[in-house]
Amino acid sequence: MSVLFPKVPKPREWDYRPIYFDKDKEARKDKKLARLRHGAFREEHEKMQSQKARVHKQQNRLVFWLVLLGLLLFAFFYLL
């Protein structure tokens, strides 16, 4: 230790950031924690598969009606 310039530790700086309650952030956090429970990934997967099946069924129905409409228009304009 030096006699002329003793080493004195600097005081800690005050670093205060107030914490405000954010309702949306808390809801997202709770939702994320709820998804991590046991078996949640399997349930998510099954839910996504059922959604995909429903969308696929709707697309098939739409394609069917479009093809039927096309055939009717073809029959109306070219066969009659």
Protein backbone atom coordinates (compact mmCIF):
# COMPACT_ATOMS: atom_id res chain seq x y z
CA MET A 1 0.00 0.00 0.00
CA SER A 2 1.29 3.41 -0.91
CA VAL A 3 1.64 6.12 1.65
CA LEU A 4 0.84 9.04 -0.66
CA PHE A 5 -1.98 7.48 -2.67
CA PRO A 6 -3.75 4.80 -0.68
CA LYS A 7 -6.03 2.51 -2.64
CA VAL A 8 -9.53 3.04 -1.45
CA PRO A 9 -12.29 1.06 -3.13
CA LYS A 10 -14.87 3.12 -4.95
CA PRO A 11 -18.33 3.10 -3.48
CA ARG A 12 -20.87 1.04 -5.35
CA GLU A 13 -22.98 3.02 -7.78
CA TRP A 14 -26.70 3.25 -7.28
CA ASP A 15 -28.35 1.39 -10.14
CA TYR A 16 -32.05 1.50 -9.44
CA ARG A 17 -34.56 0.64 -12.12
CA PRO A 18 -38.14 0.62 -10.95
CA ILE A 19 -40.12 -2.50 -11.81
CA TYR A 20 -43.53 -1.77 -13.21
CA PHE A 21 -46.25 -4.37 -13.42
CA ASP A 22 -46.96 -5.27 -17.03
CA LYS A 23 -50.17 -7.27 -17.31
CA ASP A 24 -49.48 -8.50 -20.86
CA LYS A 25 -45.95 -9.59 -20.03
CA GLU A 26 -47.16 -11.52 -17.00
CA ALA A 27 -49.82 -13.22 -19.12
CA ARG A 28 -47.21 -14.25 -21.71
CA LYS A 29 -44.95 -15.56 -18.96
CA ASP A 30 -47.75 -17.59 -17.38
CA LYS A 31 -48.75 -18.99 -20.78
CA LYS A 32 -45.17 -20.02 -21.51
CA LEU A 33 -44.83 -21.72 -18.14
CA ALA A 34 -48.14 -23.51 -18.62
CA ARG A 35 -46.93 -24.94 -21.94
CA LEU A 36 -43.88 -26.46 -20.26
CA ARG A 37 -45.82 -28.77 -17.96
CA HIS A 38 -45.54 -32.54 -18.39
CA GLY A 39 -47.21 -33.80 -21.57
CA ALA A 40 -47.76 -30.33 -22.97
CA PHE A 41 -45.67 -30.97 -26.08
CA ARG A 42 -47.71 -34.05 -26.95
CA GLU A 43 -50.94 -32.10 -26.50
CA GLU A 44 -49.60 -29.24 -28.66
CA HIS A 45 -48.60 -31.72 -31.35
CA GLU A 46 -52.00 -33.40 -31.34
CA LYS A 47 -53.74 -30.03 -31.46
CA MET A 48 -51.61 -28.92 -34.41
CA GLN A 49 -52.28 -32.20 -36.24
CA SER A 50 -56.04 -31.79 -35.80
CA GLN A 51 -55.81 -28.20 -37.07
CA LYS A 52 -53.83 -29.35 -40.10
CA ALA A 53 -56.39 -32.09 -40.80
CA ARG A 54 -59.24 -29.59 -40.56
CA VAL A 55 -57.50 -27.15 -42.93
CA HIS A 56 -56.72 -29.99 -45.34
CA LYS A 57 -60.37 -31.07 -45.29
CA GLN A 58 -61.50 -27.50 -46.01
CA GLN A 59 -59.03 -27.22 -48.88
CA ASN A 60 -60.26 -30.50 -50.37
CA ARG A 61 -63.85 -29.29 -50.15
CA LEU A 62 -62.92 -25.99 -51.85
CA VAL A 63 -61.06 -27.78 -54.66
CA PHE A 64 -64.06 -30.08 -55.16
CA TRP A 65 -66.47 -27.16 -55.54
CA LEU A 66 -64.12 -25.27 -57.85
CA VAL A 67 -63.71 -28.32 -60.11
CA LEU A 68 -67.47 -28.88 -60.12
CA LEU A 69 -68.05 -25.21 -61.01
CA GLY A 70 -65.48 -25.48 -63.80
CA LEU A 71 -67.15 -28.58 -65.21
CA LEU A 72 -70.56 -26.94 -65.10
CA LEU A 73 -69.25 -23.84 -66.88
CA PHE A 74 -67.55 -26.02 -69.48
CA ALA A 75 -70.76 -27.99 -70.03
CA PHE A 76 -72.86 -24.83 -70.22
CA PHE A 77 -70.69 -22.97 -72.76
CA TYR A 78 -69.36 -25.78 -74.97
CA LEU A 79 -71.96 -28.51 -74.85
CA LEU A 80 -75.13 -26.43 -75.05
